[in-house]
Amino acid sequence: RVIRLARLVRTIRIIPMFRELWMLVDGVLSCFNLLLWAGIIVGVVIYMFAVAALETITKSETFKDNAMVQEHFGNVGDAMFTLFQIMTFDAWNIIVREIVEKMPITVIFFLFFMGVAGVVLFNLMTAIVVSNTIYEKPKKDEEAIARIKEVEQRRMQIKLLKLFDEIDADGSGRLSREEFNEVLEDVNFAKAMGLLEVDLDDLPEFFDILDDDGTGDISVDNFVTGLMRMQGLAKAREIL
């Protein structure tokens, strides 16, 4: 089931219809590693400041019997949770104000922590996410587009191979000028060329271009490659 799911995801990835969906999914997945490492860094920073808070605030004579301080900074776990709350600016003033009023020097500690964890780290993570979106995602999109083009080219090659088998009347694996001229008036062949966006007026010269050795016939490889090139030229003309 896992293998089937992986194949399904790979198939969806290269289908043009689901391109936007895959961009969203790929964006979330690409940011997952970033968020993981950012969480680790934030955890380490909070842990360091929590240990410092225990030594400078909790164990001080001023707050040894303070219920609020002991509740929020009584141990490393509580201190880390409280600092995380302060880092996110969630009702931080209620906690910090009482401590600063009784020990003014702690304002340096809290301002330094809020500057490092609440401002620098958050802005840094935002900058990395934006950079990943602007610079890295287009590269991945180009790779996805290249895969889509590759799949389309394979499908086109299969169609052209079937078309060659249909017009190769003698089954020799090579297309003679007579066979080619006869098929130019065929309605089904004209429809196939229309699907390939190939101009029928260019086809009479097509045989002479591919018959570069002057043998009077062309191989299946030259036929497929030549028509695919003509399709590319037709699209280029439309763009111009």
Protein backbone atom coordinates (compact mmCIF):
# COMPACT_ATOMS: atom_id res chain seq x y z
CA ARG A 1 0.00 0.00 0.00
CA VAL A 2 2.85 2.36 0.78
CA ILE A 3 4.41 1.69 -2.63
CA ARG A 4 1.07 2.28 -4.35
CA LEU A 5 0.61 5.51 -2.43
CA ALA A 6 4.11 6.64 -3.43
CA ARG A 7 3.34 5.88 -7.08
CA LEU A 8 0.07 7.80 -6.82
CA VAL A 9 1.85 10.82 -5.32
CA ARG A 10 4.50 10.67 -8.06
CA THR A 11 1.78 10.52 -10.73
CA ILE A 12 -0.12 13.47 -9.25
CA ARG A 13 3.13 15.39 -9.09
CA ILE A 14 3.62 15.38 -12.85
CA ILE A 15 -0.01 15.97 -13.91
CA PRO A 16 -0.48 19.64 -14.91
CA MET A 17 -3.98 19.71 -13.39
CA PHE A 18 -2.57 19.11 -9.90
CA ARG A 19 0.42 21.42 -10.21
CA GLU A 20 -0.94 24.05 -7.77
CA LEU A 21 -1.93 21.33 -5.29
CA TRP A 22 1.54 19.83 -5.38
CA MET A 23 3.10 23.29 -4.93
CA LEU A 24 1.15 23.69 -1.68
CA VAL A 25 2.01 20.21 -0.44
CA ASP A 26 5.64 20.59 -1.42
CA GLY A 27 5.77 23.98 0.30
CA VAL A 28 4.50 22.50 3.56
CA LEU A 29 6.92 19.57 3.33
CA SER A 30 9.89 21.80 2.52
CA CYS A 31 9.11 24.01 5.53
CA PHE A 32 8.76 21.03 7.85
CA ASN A 33 12.51 20.52 8.22
CA LEU A 34 12.93 24.24 8.76
CA LEU A 35 10.31 24.29 11.49
CA LEU A 36 11.86 21.22 13.10
CA TRP A 37 15.32 22.76 13.35
CA ALA A 38 13.86 26.11 14.35
CA GLY A 39 11.99 24.39 17.16
CA ILE A 40 15.20 22.74 18.34
CA ILE A 41 17.07 26.06 18.34
CA VAL A 42 14.23 27.83 20.16
CA GLY A 43 14.12 24.99 22.69
CA VAL A 44 17.84 25.28 23.37
CA VAL A 45 17.63 29.06 23.77
CA ILE A 46 14.65 28.81 26.10
CA TYR A 47 16.38 26.10 28.13
CA MET A 48 19.48 28.27 28.58
CA PHE A 49 17.44 31.25 29.74
CA ALA A 50 15.30 29.01 31.98
CA VAL A 51 18.40 27.78 33.81
CA ALA A 52 19.59 31.37 34.15
CA ALA A 53 16.17 32.42 35.48
CA LEU A 54 16.29 29.67 38.12
CA GLU A 55 19.70 30.82 39.33
CA THR A 56 19.07 34.58 39.26
CA ILE A 57 15.35 34.91 40.04
CA THR A 58 13.87 31.79 41.63
CA LYS A 59 16.72 31.17 44.07
CA SER A 60 17.14 34.83 45.02
CA GLU A 61 16.16 35.98 48.52
CA THR A 62 13.64 38.40 47.01
CA PHE A 63 11.48 35.70 45.39
CA LYS A 64 12.23 32.67 47.55
CA ASP A 65 8.80 32.90 49.17
CA ASN A 66 6.98 34.54 46.24
CA ALA A 67 4.10 32.28 45.16
CA MET A 68 3.85 33.70 41.64
CA VAL A 69 7.55 33.31 40.90
CA GLN A 70 7.65 29.81 42.36
CA GLU A 71 4.63 28.87 40.25
CA HIS A 72 6.08 30.17 36.98
CA PHE A 73 9.82 29.62 37.59
CA GLY A 74 9.82 26.87 40.24
CA ASN A 75 11.63 24.34 38.06
CA VAL A 76 13.17 24.11 34.60
CA GLY A 77 9.96 22.88 32.95
CA ASP A 78 7.80 25.66 34.41
CA ALA A 79 10.45 28.25 33.61
CA MET A 80 10.69 27.09 29.99
CA PHE A 81 6.91 27.21 29.59
CA THR A 82 6.76 30.69 31.11
CA LEU A 83 9.59 31.95 28.90
CA PHE A 84 7.84 30.52 25.85
CA GLN A 85 4.75 32.48 26.87
CA ILE A 86 6.87 35.61 27.23
CA MET A 87 8.55 34.95 23.87
CA THR A 88 5.16 34.86 22.13
CA PHE A 89 4.14 38.04 23.99
CA ASP A 90 1.16 36.25 25.54
CA ALA A 91 0.22 38.25 28.68
CA TRP A 92 3.93 38.63 29.34
CA ASN A 93 3.56 41.95 31.16
CA ILE A 94 1.55 40.37 34.00
CA ILE A 95 4.45 38.05 34.81
CA VAL A 96 7.34 40.36 34.08
CA ARG A 97 5.99 43.52 35.73
CA GLU A 98 5.78 42.03 39.24
CA ILE A 99 9.30 40.62 38.99
CA VAL A 100 10.81 43.84 37.60
CA GLU A 101 9.11 45.97 40.24
CA LYS A 102 10.72 43.95 43.03
CA MET A 103 14.05 43.38 41.24
CA PRO A 104 14.62 46.12 38.61
CA ILE A 105 17.85 44.59 37.33
CA THR A 106 15.86 41.67 35.88
CA VAL A 107 14.56 44.02 33.18
CA ILE A 108 17.90 43.47 31.41
CA PHE A 109 17.35 39.70 31.50
CA PHE A 110 13.82 39.85 30.10
CA LEU A 111 14.60 42.47 27.46
CA PHE A 112 17.60 40.46 26.28
CA PHE A 113 15.52 37.26 26.14
CA MET A 114 12.64 38.93 24.29
CA GLY A 115 15.07 40.49 21.85
CA VAL A 116 16.87 37.23 21.10
CA ALA A 117 13.96 34.76 21.17
CA GLY A 118 10.96 36.94 20.39
CA VAL A 119 12.41 39.22 17.73
CA VAL A 120 15.65 37.88 16.26
CA LEU A 121 14.73 34.18 16.02
CA PHE A 122 11.20 34.79 14.74
CA ASN A 123 12.36 37.29 12.13
CA LEU A 124 15.17 34.97 11.11
CA MET A 125 12.76 32.06 10.61
CA THR A 126 10.45 34.29 8.59
CA ALA A 127 13.34 35.42 6.40
CA ILE A 128 14.41 31.83 5.78
CA VAL A 129 10.87 30.78 4.84
CA VAL A 130 10.53 33.71 2.44
CA SER A 131 13.94 32.98 0.94
CA ASN A 132 12.98 29.33 0.47
CA THR A 133 9.73 30.37 -1.21
CA ILE A 134 11.25 32.97 -3.53
CA TYR A 135 14.54 31.31 -4.51
CA GLU A 136 14.31 27.58 -3.85
CA LYS A 137 10.73 26.89 -4.92
CA PRO A 138 11.16 28.21 -8.48
CA LYS A 139 14.05 25.78 -8.96
CA LYS A 140 11.85 22.89 -7.83
CA ASP A 141 9.04 24.16 -10.07
CA GLU A 142 11.41 24.16 -13.03
CA GLU A 143 12.34 20.55 -12.26
CA ALA A 144 8.65 19.60 -12.08
CA ILE A 145 7.95 21.36 -15.38
CA ALA A 146 10.89 19.52 -16.95
CA ARG A 147 9.42 16.21 -15.76
CA ILE A 148 6.02 17.13 -17.18
CA LYS A 149 7.61 17.97 -20.55
CA GLU A 150 9.49 14.69 -20.48
CA VAL A 151 6.27 12.75 -19.91
CA GLU A 152 4.54 14.67 -22.71
CA GLN A 153 7.43 13.91 -25.06
CA ARG A 154 7.22 10.20 -24.25
CA ARG A 155 3.49 10.19 -24.95
CA MET A 156 4.08 12.03 -28.20
CA GLN A 157 6.74 9.52 -29.23
CA ILE A 158 4.30 6.65 -28.62
CA LYS A 159 1.63 8.38 -30.74
CA LEU A 160 4.08 9.01 -33.56
CA LEU A 161 5.31 5.42 -33.48
CA LYS A 162 1.70 4.20 -33.85
CA LEU A 163 1.16 6.69 -36.63
CA PHE A 164 4.27 5.46 -38.45
CA ASP A 165 3.07 1.85 -38.22
CA GLU A 166 -0.26 2.87 -39.75
CA ILE A 167 1.22 4.65 -42.76
CA ASP A 168 4.04 2.14 -43.33
CA ALA A 169 2.02 0.07 -45.77
CA ASP A 170 4.68 -2.57 -46.55
CA GLY A 171 5.80 -2.92 -42.92
CA SER A 172 9.45 -2.43 -43.85
CA GLY A 173 10.17 -0.07 -40.98
CA ARG A 174 11.02 2.69 -43.44
CA LEU A 175 8.71 5.17 -45.09
CA SER A 176 9.01 5.63 -48.86
CA ARG A 177 8.12 8.83 -50.70
CA GLU A 178 5.12 7.12 -52.33
CA GLU A 179 3.76 6.00 -48.96
CA PHE A 180 4.26 9.46 -47.55
CA ASN A 181 2.58 11.26 -50.49
CA GLU A 182 -0.41 8.90 -50.32
CA VAL A 183 -0.98 9.50 -46.63
CA LEU A 184 -0.95 13.29 -47.07
CA GLU A 185 -4.47 13.05 -48.49
CA ASP A 186 -5.69 10.80 -45.68
CA VAL A 187 -8.24 12.46 -43.34
CA ASN A 188 -7.05 10.58 -40.26
CA PHE A 189 -3.46 11.62 -40.91
CA ALA A 190 -4.56 15.26 -41.28
CA LYS A 191 -6.38 15.03 -37.94
CA ALA A 192 -3.28 13.56 -36.30
CA MET A 193 -1.15 16.38 -37.65
CA GLY A 194 -3.72 18.86 -36.34
CA LEU A 195 -3.42 17.36 -32.85
CA LEU A 196 0.34 17.71 -33.16
CA GLU A 197 -0.12 21.34 -34.24
CA VAL A 198 1.90 20.64 -37.37
CA ASP A 199 1.07 22.69 -40.47
CA LEU A 200 0.16 20.44 -43.38
CA ASP A 201 1.68 22.90 -45.83
CA ASP A 202 5.11 22.16 -44.37
CA LEU A 203 4.84 18.39 -44.79
CA PRO A 204 5.84 18.15 -48.50
CA GLU A 205 9.23 19.61 -47.61
CA PHE A 206 9.37 17.45 -44.49
CA PHE A 207 10.28 14.28 -46.41
CA ASP A 208 13.10 15.95 -48.36
CA ILE A 209 14.62 17.38 -45.18
CA LEU A 210 14.71 14.02 -43.39
CA ASP A 211 15.89 12.10 -46.46
CA ASP A 212 19.31 13.67 -46.16
CA ASP A 213 21.11 10.66 -47.60
CA GLY A 214 18.95 10.64 -50.75
CA THR A 215 17.81 6.99 -50.41
CA GLY A 216 14.18 7.87 -51.07
CA ASP A 217 12.91 6.69 -47.72
CA ILE A 218 13.15 7.68 -44.05
CA SER A 219 13.47 5.60 -40.90
CA VAL A 220 11.06 5.55 -38.00
CA ASP A 221 13.55 7.41 -35.80
CA ASN A 222 13.91 10.24 -38.31
CA PHE A 223 10.14 10.38 -38.72
CA VAL A 224 9.44 10.68 -34.99
CA THR A 225 12.28 13.13 -34.31
CA GLY A 226 11.39 15.30 -37.29
CA LEU A 227 7.71 15.63 -36.42
CA MET A 228 8.52 16.46 -32.80
CA ARG A 229 10.86 19.20 -34.02
CA MET A 230 8.17 20.54 -36.32
CA GLN A 231 5.75 20.60 -33.39
CA GLY A 232 8.27 22.61 -31.37
CA LEU A 233 8.69 25.07 -34.25
CA ALA A 234 4.94 25.46 -34.51
CA LYS A 235 4.64 26.32 -30.81
CA ALA A 236 7.52 28.76 -31.13
CA ARG A 237 5.72 30.53 -33.98
CA GLU A 238 2.58 30.85 -31.86
CA ILE A 239 4.59 32.45 -29.07
CA LEU A 240 6.20 34.92 -31.50
